[in-house]
Amino acid sequence: MHRYNEPSRGRVTDEMYYSTEKNDHGLPYNPYKSIVVPRPIGWITTLDRHGNVNLAPFSQFNNLGYDPPYVMFSASHKVGAVTRKDTVSNIIETGEFVCNMATYDLRDAVARSAEISDPDVNELEALGLTPAEPQFVKPPRVAESPVHLECKFYTTLILPGYAATNTTHVVVGQVVGVHIDDGAFTPDGKIDVARLRPLARMGYQDYASIDEVFEIAPQGKNAAELIAGMGGEAKGKRTE
């Protein structure tokens, strides 16, 4: 751990910094995962080549674009092994997956699903969850979740780690279908995020959920364009 001590250059003396190559922060816990927060959780269902169901949460997860929409998540290697996690292998081999919204009400099931590593165990059955039929892909949806994104595999990116077990596989999928529970909307037709309370990962063993939402409306001459972009108004694929 280092501290700035250069007042003439505007450096403050009550700020630490460290090199990620040396990981010399000197703290009892690595602070990095508590910096990029909150992180949405992709609670992902897949099938292996034999049709076995897998359900696992991933906190390096987010959307990419909206017309068409894509999602991405990343996963390191299995703990204690230099092999891909089952979810990544299943998606690469079968080309499909479903993202189920992780919510505060489902927090225990989300956490417990991360603890099952046996590929022959169906996490939905083990956790007492209900499979729901998909529309465009084969992996089941989690019926208890209020929102589902059916996805087709698009590409992967491999990021090397300083150790082989920290190799990161980034998976990108195109969202081809969206399911939203009828009770998930506000009276004016927006998703009621504060009521659904989506679950998010922080650092350490900490989680958070969204229970407060506020609006900051764009202003100025480009307000209309900014509003359209922030809202993600899509036109969809044209065939004519």
C-alpha atoms as a PDB file:
ATOM      1  CA  MET A   1       0.000   0.000   0.000  1.00  0.00           C
ATOM      2  CA  HIS A   2       1.215   3.487  -0.839  1.00  0.00           C
ATOM      3  CA  ARG A   3       0.101   7.006   0.107  1.00  0.00           C
ATOM      4  CA  TYR A   4       0.363  10.244  -1.801  1.00  0.00           C
ATOM      5  CA  ASN A   5       2.495  12.969  -0.290  1.00  0.00           C
ATOM      6  CA  GLU A   6       2.845  15.580  -3.017  1.00  0.00           C
ATOM      7  CA  PRO A   7       0.788  18.656  -1.991  1.00  0.00           C
ATOM      8  CA  SER A   8       2.392  20.806  -4.684  1.00  0.00           C
ATOM      9  CA  ARG A   9       0.891  18.541  -7.354  1.00  0.00           C
ATOM     10  CA  GLY A  10      -2.545  18.444  -5.774  1.00  0.00           C
ATOM     11  CA  ARG A  11      -2.006  15.058  -4.198  1.00  0.00           C
ATOM     12  CA  VAL A  12      -3.908  14.343  -1.011  1.00  0.00           C
ATOM     13  CA  THR A  13      -2.260  12.682   1.952  1.00  0.00           C
ATOM     14  CA  ASP A  14      -5.278  10.668   3.104  1.00  0.00           C
ATOM     15  CA  GLU A  15      -5.543   8.511  -0.026  1.00  0.00           C
ATOM     16  CA  MET A  16      -3.979   5.106  -0.617  1.00  0.00           C
ATOM     17  CA  TYR A  17      -3.165   3.430  -3.906  1.00  0.00           C
ATOM     18  CA  TYR A  18      -1.798   0.081  -4.943  1.00  0.00           C
ATOM     19  CA  SER A  19      -0.522  -1.814  -7.972  1.00  0.00           C
ATOM     20  CA  THR A  20      -2.826  -4.580  -9.167  1.00  0.00           C
ATOM     21  CA  GLU A  21       0.170  -6.472 -10.558  1.00  0.00           C
ATOM     22  CA  LYS A  22       1.730  -6.543  -7.095  1.00  0.00           C
ATOM     23  CA  ASN A  23      -1.609  -6.629  -5.238  1.00  0.00           C
ATOM     24  CA  ASP A  24       0.139  -4.673  -2.483  1.00  0.00           C
ATOM     25  CA  HIS A  25      -2.924  -2.973  -0.979  1.00  0.00           C
ATOM     26  CA  GLY A  26      -2.015  -4.095   2.527  1.00  0.00           C
ATOM     27  CA  LEU A  27      -5.668  -4.510   3.497  1.00  0.00           C
ATOM     28  CA  PRO A  28      -7.187  -7.602   5.135  1.00  0.00           C
ATOM     29  CA  TYR A  29      -9.460  -8.069   2.097  1.00  0.00           C
ATOM     30  CA  ASN A  30      -9.034  -7.209  -1.571  1.00  0.00           C
ATOM     31  CA  PRO A  31     -11.086  -4.009  -2.113  1.00  0.00           C
ATOM     32  CA  TYR A  32     -11.514  -4.302  -5.883  1.00  0.00           C
ATOM     33  CA  LYS A  33     -14.866  -6.080  -6.043  1.00  0.00           C
ATOM     34  CA  SER A  34     -16.320  -3.506  -3.646  1.00  0.00           C
ATOM     35  CA  ILE A  35     -15.420  -0.704  -6.065  1.00  0.00           C
ATOM     36  CA  VAL A  36     -17.371  -1.719  -9.163  1.00  0.00           C
ATOM     37  CA  VAL A  37     -20.773  -1.982  -7.482  1.00  0.00           C
ATOM     38  CA  PRO A  38     -23.595  -2.814  -7.470  1.00  0.00           C
ATOM     39  CA  ARG A  39     -23.334  -5.569 -10.053  1.00  0.00           C
ATOM     40  CA  PRO A  40     -26.464  -7.219 -11.477  1.00  0.00           C
ATOM     41  CA  ILE A  41     -26.636 -10.983 -11.082  1.00  0.00           C
ATOM     42  CA  GLY A  42     -27.193 -13.164 -14.115  1.00  0.00           C
ATOM     43  CA  TRP A  43     -28.987 -16.254 -12.791  1.00  0.00           C
ATOM     44  CA  ILE A  44     -28.450 -18.489 -15.770  1.00  0.00           C
ATOM     45  CA  THR A  45     -30.066 -21.755 -16.812  1.00  0.00           C
ATOM     46  CA  THR A  46     -28.445 -23.987 -19.409  1.00  0.00           C
ATOM     47  CA  LEU A  47     -28.621 -27.553 -20.674  1.00  0.00           C
ATOM     48  CA  ASP A  48     -25.639 -29.772 -21.324  1.00  0.00           C
ATOM     49  CA  ARG A  49     -25.411 -31.914 -24.453  1.00  0.00           C
ATOM     50  CA  HIS A  50     -27.317 -34.701 -22.659  1.00  0.00           C
ATOM     51  CA  GLY A  51     -30.177 -32.428 -21.577  1.00  0.00           C
ATOM     52  CA  ASN A  52     -29.167 -32.054 -17.921  1.00  0.00           C
ATOM     53  CA  VAL A  53     -30.246 -28.744 -16.345  1.00  0.00           C
ATOM     54  CA  ASN A  54     -27.755 -26.340 -14.774  1.00  0.00           C
ATOM     55  CA  LEU A  55     -28.590 -23.160 -12.851  1.00  0.00           C
ATOM     56  CA  ALA A  56     -25.887 -20.811 -11.549  1.00  0.00           C
ATOM     57  CA  PRO A  57     -25.499 -17.115 -10.645  1.00  0.00           C
ATOM     58  CA  PHE A  58     -22.863 -14.811 -12.149  1.00  0.00           C
ATOM     59  CA  SER A  59     -22.181 -11.347 -10.775  1.00  0.00           C
ATOM     60  CA  GLN A  60     -20.063 -10.152 -13.693  1.00  0.00           C
ATOM     61  CA  PHE A  61     -23.194  -9.617 -15.769  1.00  0.00           C
ATOM     62  CA  ASN A  62     -24.770  -6.803 -17.780  1.00  0.00           C
ATOM     63  CA  ASN A  63     -26.592  -5.829 -20.954  1.00  0.00           C
ATOM     64  CA  LEU A  64     -24.980  -4.731 -24.208  1.00  0.00           C
ATOM     65  CA  GLY A  65     -27.039  -2.656 -26.625  1.00  0.00           C
ATOM     66  CA  TYR A  66     -30.775  -2.966 -27.120  1.00  0.00           C
ATOM     67  CA  ASP A  67     -31.607  -3.211 -30.853  1.00  0.00           C
ATOM     68  CA  PRO A  68     -30.939  -6.111 -30.891  1.00  0.00           C
ATOM     69  CA  PRO A  69     -30.252  -6.584 -27.191  1.00  0.00           C
ATOM     70  CA  TYR A  70     -27.265  -8.594 -26.007  1.00  0.00           C
ATOM     71  CA  VAL A  71     -26.175  -9.676 -22.556  1.00  0.00           C
ATOM     72  CA  MET A  72     -22.745 -10.618 -21.304  1.00  0.00           C
ATOM     73  CA  PHE A  73     -21.386 -12.427 -18.295  1.00  0.00           C
ATOM     74  CA  SER A  74     -18.005 -13.748 -17.320  1.00  0.00           C
ATOM     75  CA  ALA A  75     -16.817 -16.750 -15.361  1.00  0.00           C
ATOM     76  CA  SER A  76     -13.449 -17.909 -14.134  1.00  0.00           C
ATOM     77  CA  HIS A  77     -12.358 -21.535 -14.164  1.00  0.00           C
ATOM     78  CA  LYS A  78     -13.785 -24.056 -11.727  1.00  0.00           C
ATOM     79  CA  VAL A  79     -12.386 -23.816  -8.211  1.00  0.00           C
ATOM     80  CA  GLY A  80      -9.327 -26.022  -7.945  1.00  0.00           C
ATOM     81  CA  ALA A  81      -9.390 -26.945 -11.638  1.00  0.00           C
ATOM     82  CA  VAL A  82      -8.228 -25.538 -14.943  1.00  0.00           C
ATOM     83  CA  THR A  83     -11.482 -26.220 -16.757  1.00  0.00           C
ATOM     84  CA  ARG A  84     -14.413 -24.062 -17.800  1.00  0.00           C
ATOM     85  CA  LYS A  85     -17.409 -23.797 -15.535  1.00  0.00           C
ATOM     86  CA  ASP A  86     -20.380 -25.915 -16.582  1.00  0.00           C
ATOM     87  CA  THR A  87     -22.481 -22.918 -17.616  1.00  0.00           C
ATOM     88  CA  VAL A  88     -19.825 -21.670 -20.048  1.00  0.00           C
ATOM     89  CA  SER A  89     -19.249 -25.138 -21.507  1.00  0.00           C
ATOM     90  CA  ASN A  90     -22.985 -25.745 -21.886  1.00  0.00           C
ATOM     91  CA  ILE A  91     -23.537 -22.477 -23.740  1.00  0.00           C
ATOM     92  CA  ILE A  92     -20.624 -23.035 -26.105  1.00  0.00           C
ATOM     93  CA  GLU A  93     -21.753 -26.593 -26.821  1.00  0.00           C
ATOM     94  CA  THR A  94     -25.516 -26.017 -27.152  1.00  0.00           C
ATOM     95  CA  GLY A  95     -25.714 -22.327 -28.117  1.00  0.00           C
ATOM     96  CA  GLU A  96     -28.540 -21.342 -25.740  1.00  0.00           C
ATOM     97  CA  PHE A  97     -29.208 -20.022 -22.247  1.00  0.00           C
ATOM     98  CA  VAL A  98     -31.772 -18.149 -20.159  1.00  0.00           C
ATOM     99  CA  CYS A  99     -31.106 -15.258 -17.767  1.00  0.00           C
ATOM    100  CA  ASN A 100     -33.566 -15.270 -14.863  1.00  0.00           C
ATOM    101  CA  MET A 101     -33.888 -12.123 -12.771  1.00  0.00           C
ATOM    102  CA  ALA A 102     -32.447 -12.673  -9.302  1.00  0.00           C
ATOM    103  CA  THR A 103     -34.574 -10.864  -6.711  1.00  0.00           C
ATOM    104  CA  TYR A 104     -34.464 -10.267  -2.979  1.00  0.00           C
ATOM    105  CA  ASP A 105     -37.231 -12.826  -2.426  1.00  0.00           C
ATOM    106  CA  LEU A 106     -35.101 -15.421  -4.224  1.00  0.00           C
ATOM    107  CA  ARG A 107     -31.841 -14.479  -2.490  1.00  0.00           C
ATOM    108  CA  ASP A 108     -31.392 -17.775  -0.637  1.00  0.00           C
ATOM    109  CA  ALA A 109     -31.984 -19.879  -3.742  1.00  0.00           C
ATOM    110  CA  VAL A 110     -29.590 -17.687  -5.731  1.00  0.00           C
ATOM    111  CA  ALA A 111     -26.855 -18.079  -3.124  1.00  0.00           C
ATOM    112  CA  ARG A 112     -27.409 -21.812  -2.700  1.00  0.00           C
ATOM    113  CA  SER A 113     -27.346 -22.435  -6.461  1.00  0.00           C
ATOM    114  CA  ALA A 114     -23.735 -21.195  -6.503  1.00  0.00           C
ATOM    115  CA  GLU A 115     -22.735 -23.918  -4.052  1.00  0.00           C
ATOM    116  CA  ILE A 116     -23.745 -26.896  -6.207  1.00  0.00           C
ATOM    117  CA  SER A 117     -20.860 -27.946  -8.450  1.00  0.00           C
ATOM    118  CA  ASP A 118     -21.863 -31.471  -9.482  1.00  0.00           C
ATOM    119  CA  PRO A 119     -22.884 -31.276 -13.174  1.00  0.00           C
ATOM    120  CA  ASP A 120     -25.256 -34.212 -12.689  1.00  0.00           C
ATOM    121  CA  VAL A 121     -27.341 -32.305 -10.097  1.00  0.00           C
ATOM    122  CA  ASN A 122     -30.366 -30.397 -11.374  1.00  0.00           C
ATOM    123  CA  GLU A 123     -30.236 -27.202  -9.286  1.00  0.00           C
ATOM    124  CA  LEU A 124     -33.913 -26.423  -9.906  1.00  0.00           C
ATOM    125  CA  GLU A 125     -34.958 -29.745  -8.406  1.00  0.00           C
ATOM    126  CA  ALA A 126     -32.404 -29.556  -5.596  1.00  0.00           C
ATOM    127  CA  LEU A 127     -33.632 -26.103  -4.552  1.00  0.00           C
ATOM    128  CA  GLY A 128     -37.349 -26.768  -5.030  1.00  0.00           C
ATOM    129  CA  LEU A 129     -37.677 -24.351  -7.945  1.00  0.00           C
ATOM    130  CA  THR A 130     -40.176 -24.724 -10.768  1.00  0.00           C
ATOM    131  CA  PRO A 131     -39.120 -25.048 -14.418  1.00  0.00           C
ATOM    132  CA  ALA A 132     -41.136 -22.982 -16.889  1.00  0.00           C
ATOM    133  CA  GLU A 133     -41.333 -23.573 -20.630  1.00  0.00           C
ATOM    134  CA  PRO A 134     -39.248 -21.274 -22.837  1.00  0.00           C
ATOM    135  CA  GLN A 135     -40.439 -19.946 -26.177  1.00  0.00           C
ATOM    136  CA  PHE A 136     -37.366 -19.808 -28.418  1.00  0.00           C
ATOM    137  CA  VAL A 137     -34.683 -21.880 -26.665  1.00  0.00           C
ATOM    138  CA  LYS A 138     -34.521 -25.198 -24.809  1.00  0.00           C
ATOM    139  CA  PRO A 139     -33.154 -24.384 -21.313  1.00  0.00           C
ATOM    140  CA  PRO A 140     -35.992 -23.900 -18.805  1.00  0.00           C
ATOM    141  CA  ARG A 141     -36.890 -20.632 -17.159  1.00  0.00           C
ATOM    142  CA  VAL A 142     -37.134 -20.341 -13.371  1.00  0.00           C
ATOM    143  CA  ALA A 143     -40.869 -19.844 -12.826  1.00  0.00           C
ATOM    144  CA  GLU A 144     -40.379 -18.090  -9.477  1.00  0.00           C
ATOM    145  CA  SER A 145     -38.383 -15.332 -11.178  1.00  0.00           C
ATOM    146  CA  PRO A 146     -40.451 -12.422 -12.560  1.00  0.00           C
ATOM    147  CA  VAL A 147     -38.322 -11.719 -15.654  1.00  0.00           C
ATOM    148  CA  HIS A 148     -36.520 -13.995 -18.112  1.00  0.00           C
ATOM    149  CA  LEU A 149     -34.257 -13.335 -21.097  1.00  0.00           C
ATOM    150  CA  GLU A 150     -33.986 -16.154 -23.622  1.00  0.00           C
ATOM    151  CA  CYS A 151     -30.593 -15.968 -25.317  1.00  0.00           C
ATOM    152  CA  LYS A 152     -28.677 -17.414 -28.258  1.00  0.00           C
ATOM    153  CA  PHE A 153     -24.907 -17.716 -27.948  1.00  0.00           C
ATOM    154  CA  TYR A 154     -23.033 -15.061 -29.946  1.00  0.00           C
ATOM    155  CA  THR A 155     -19.353 -15.128 -28.992  1.00  0.00           C
ATOM    156  CA  THR A 156     -16.780 -15.630 -26.249  1.00  0.00           C
ATOM    157  CA  LEU A 157     -13.670 -13.738 -25.234  1.00  0.00           C
ATOM    158  CA  ILE A 158     -10.918 -15.238 -23.082  1.00  0.00           C
ATOM    159  CA  LEU A 159      -9.025 -12.941 -20.721  1.00  0.00           C
ATOM    160  CA  PRO A 160      -5.822 -14.405 -19.261  1.00  0.00           C
ATOM    161  CA  GLY A 161      -5.347 -14.395 -15.504  1.00  0.00           C
ATOM    162  CA  TYR A 162      -2.119 -14.176 -13.515  1.00  0.00           C
ATOM    163  CA  ALA A 163      -2.920 -17.756 -12.489  1.00  0.00           C
ATOM    164  CA  ALA A 164      -4.576 -20.334 -14.730  1.00  0.00           C
ATOM    165  CA  THR A 165      -7.566 -20.667 -12.399  1.00  0.00           C
ATOM    166  CA  ASN A 166      -8.240 -16.926 -12.842  1.00  0.00           C
ATOM    167  CA  THR A 167      -8.655 -17.193 -16.600  1.00  0.00           C
ATOM    168  CA  THR A 168     -11.862 -15.338 -17.444  1.00  0.00           C
ATOM    169  CA  HIS A 169     -14.341 -16.467 -20.081  1.00  0.00           C
ATOM    170  CA  VAL A 170     -16.603 -13.646 -21.282  1.00  0.00           C
ATOM    171  CA  VAL A 171     -19.789 -14.960 -22.884  1.00  0.00           C
ATOM    172  CA  VAL A 172     -22.027 -12.785 -25.055  1.00  0.00           C
ATOM    173  CA  GLY A 173     -25.518 -13.828 -26.067  1.00  0.00           C
ATOM    174  CA  GLN A 174     -28.217 -12.191 -28.169  1.00  0.00           C
ATOM    175  CA  VAL A 175     -31.542 -11.855 -26.398  1.00  0.00           C
ATOM    176  CA  VAL A 176     -34.200 -13.378 -28.650  1.00  0.00           C
ATOM    177  CA  GLY A 177     -37.123 -13.460 -26.228  1.00  0.00           C
ATOM    178  CA  VAL A 178     -38.242 -11.641 -23.086  1.00  0.00           C
ATOM    179  CA  HIS A 179     -40.778 -12.824 -20.485  1.00  0.00           C
ATOM    180  CA  ILE A 180     -42.139 -10.389 -17.875  1.00  0.00           C
ATOM    181  CA  ASP A 181     -44.675 -11.313 -15.203  1.00  0.00           C
ATOM    182  CA  ASP A 182     -47.929  -9.346 -15.539  1.00  0.00           C
ATOM    183  CA  GLY A 183     -47.608  -8.180 -11.942  1.00  0.00           C
ATOM    184  CA  ALA A 184     -44.176  -6.668 -12.519  1.00  0.00           C
ATOM    185  CA  PHE A 185     -45.458  -3.390 -13.970  1.00  0.00           C
ATOM    186  CA  THR A 186     -46.416  -0.022 -12.532  1.00  0.00           C
ATOM    187  CA  PRO A 187     -49.808   1.468 -13.525  1.00  0.00           C
ATOM    188  CA  ASP A 188     -48.090   3.564 -16.209  1.00  0.00           C
ATOM    189  CA  GLY A 189     -46.470   0.538 -17.857  1.00  0.00           C
ATOM    190  CA  LYS A 190     -42.936   0.621 -16.487  1.00  0.00           C
ATOM    191  CA  ILE A 191     -41.255  -2.295 -14.736  1.00  0.00           C
ATOM    192  CA  ASP A 192     -41.685  -1.758 -11.001  1.00  0.00           C
ATOM    193  CA  VAL A 193     -38.035  -2.225 -10.056  1.00  0.00           C
ATOM    194  CA  ALA A 194     -38.485  -1.037  -6.457  1.00  0.00           C
ATOM    195  CA  ARG A 195     -41.144  -3.676  -5.865  1.00  0.00           C
ATOM    196  CA  LEU A 196     -39.265  -6.500  -7.605  1.00  0.00           C
ATOM    197  CA  ARG A 197     -36.064  -5.629  -5.717  1.00  0.00           C
ATOM    198  CA  PRO A 198     -33.467  -7.062  -8.128  1.00  0.00           C
ATOM    199  CA  LEU A 199     -30.535  -8.590  -6.282  1.00  0.00           C
ATOM    200  CA  ALA A 200     -26.990  -7.301  -6.805  1.00  0.00           C
ATOM    201  CA  ARG A 201     -23.544  -8.374  -5.701  1.00  0.00           C
ATOM    202  CA  MET A 202     -21.179  -6.154  -3.824  1.00  0.00           C
ATOM    203  CA  GLY A 203     -17.727  -7.194  -2.611  1.00  0.00           C
ATOM    204  CA  TYR A 204     -16.811  -9.764   0.020  1.00  0.00           C
ATOM    205  CA  GLN A 205     -19.927 -11.821   0.946  1.00  0.00           C
ATOM    206  CA  ASP A 206     -22.197  -8.785   0.607  1.00  0.00           C
ATOM    207  CA  TYR A 207     -25.328  -8.367  -1.479  1.00  0.00           C
ATOM    208  CA  ALA A 208     -27.690  -5.454  -2.087  1.00  0.00           C
ATOM    209  CA  SER A 209     -31.145  -5.020  -3.566  1.00  0.00           C
ATOM    210  CA  ILE A 210     -32.773  -2.049  -5.263  1.00  0.00           C
ATOM    211  CA  ASP A 211     -35.645  -0.729  -3.176  1.00  0.00           C
ATOM    212  CA  GLU A 212     -35.502   2.965  -4.150  1.00  0.00           C
ATOM    213  CA  VAL A 213     -35.706   4.454  -7.637  1.00  0.00           C
ATOM    214  CA  PHE A 214     -35.445   8.113  -8.640  1.00  0.00           C
ATOM    215  CA  GLU A 215     -35.503   9.896 -11.983  1.00  0.00           C
ATOM    216  CA  ILE A 216     -33.148  12.501 -13.400  1.00  0.00           C
ATOM    217  CA  ALA A 217     -34.691  13.790 -16.626  1.00  0.00           C
ATOM    218  CA  PRO A 218     -32.362  15.048 -19.394  1.00  0.00           C
ATOM    219  CA  GLN A 219     -32.482  18.754 -20.135  1.00  0.00           C
ATOM    220  CA  GLY A 220     -31.307  21.020 -22.940  1.00  0.00           C
ATOM    221  CA  LYS A 221     -31.572  20.925 -26.709  1.00  0.00           C
ATOM    222  CA  ASN A 222     -30.632  17.248 -26.981  1.00  0.00           C
ATOM    223  CA  ALA A 223     -33.073  16.090 -24.313  1.00  0.00           C
ATOM    224  CA  ALA A 224     -35.327  14.186 -26.732  1.00  0.00           C
ATOM    225  CA  GLU A 225     -32.424  12.204 -28.196  1.00  0.00           C
ATOM    226  CA  LEU A 226     -31.034  11.457 -24.754  1.00  0.00           C
ATOM    227  CA  ILE A 227     -34.428  10.279 -23.501  1.00  0.00           C
ATOM    228  CA  ALA A 228     -34.802   7.966 -26.505  1.00  0.00           C
ATOM    229  CA  GLY A 229     -31.370   6.462 -25.904  1.00  0.00           C
ATOM    230  CA  MET A 230     -31.827   6.078 -22.157  1.00  0.00           C
ATOM    231  CA  GLY A 231     -35.173   4.379 -22.690  1.00  0.00           C
ATOM    232  CA  GLY A 232     -33.734   1.952 -25.229  1.00  0.00           C
ATOM    233  CA  GLU A 233     -36.550   2.376 -27.721  1.00  0.00           C
ATOM    234  CA  ALA A 234     -35.895  -0.378 -30.271  1.00  0.00           C
ATOM    235  CA  LYS A 235     -37.253  -0.729 -33.798  1.00  0.00           C
ATOM    236  CA  GLY A 236     -36.618  -4.436 -34.149  1.00  0.00           C
ATOM    237  CA  LYS A 237     -35.413  -6.312 -37.203  1.00  0.00           C
ATOM    238  CA  ARG A 238     -37.029  -5.290 -40.473  1.00  0.00           C
ATOM    239  CA  THR A 239     -37.641  -7.961 -43.103  1.00  0.00           C
ATOM    240  CA  GLU A 240     -39.128  -5.818 -45.846  1.00  0.00           C
END
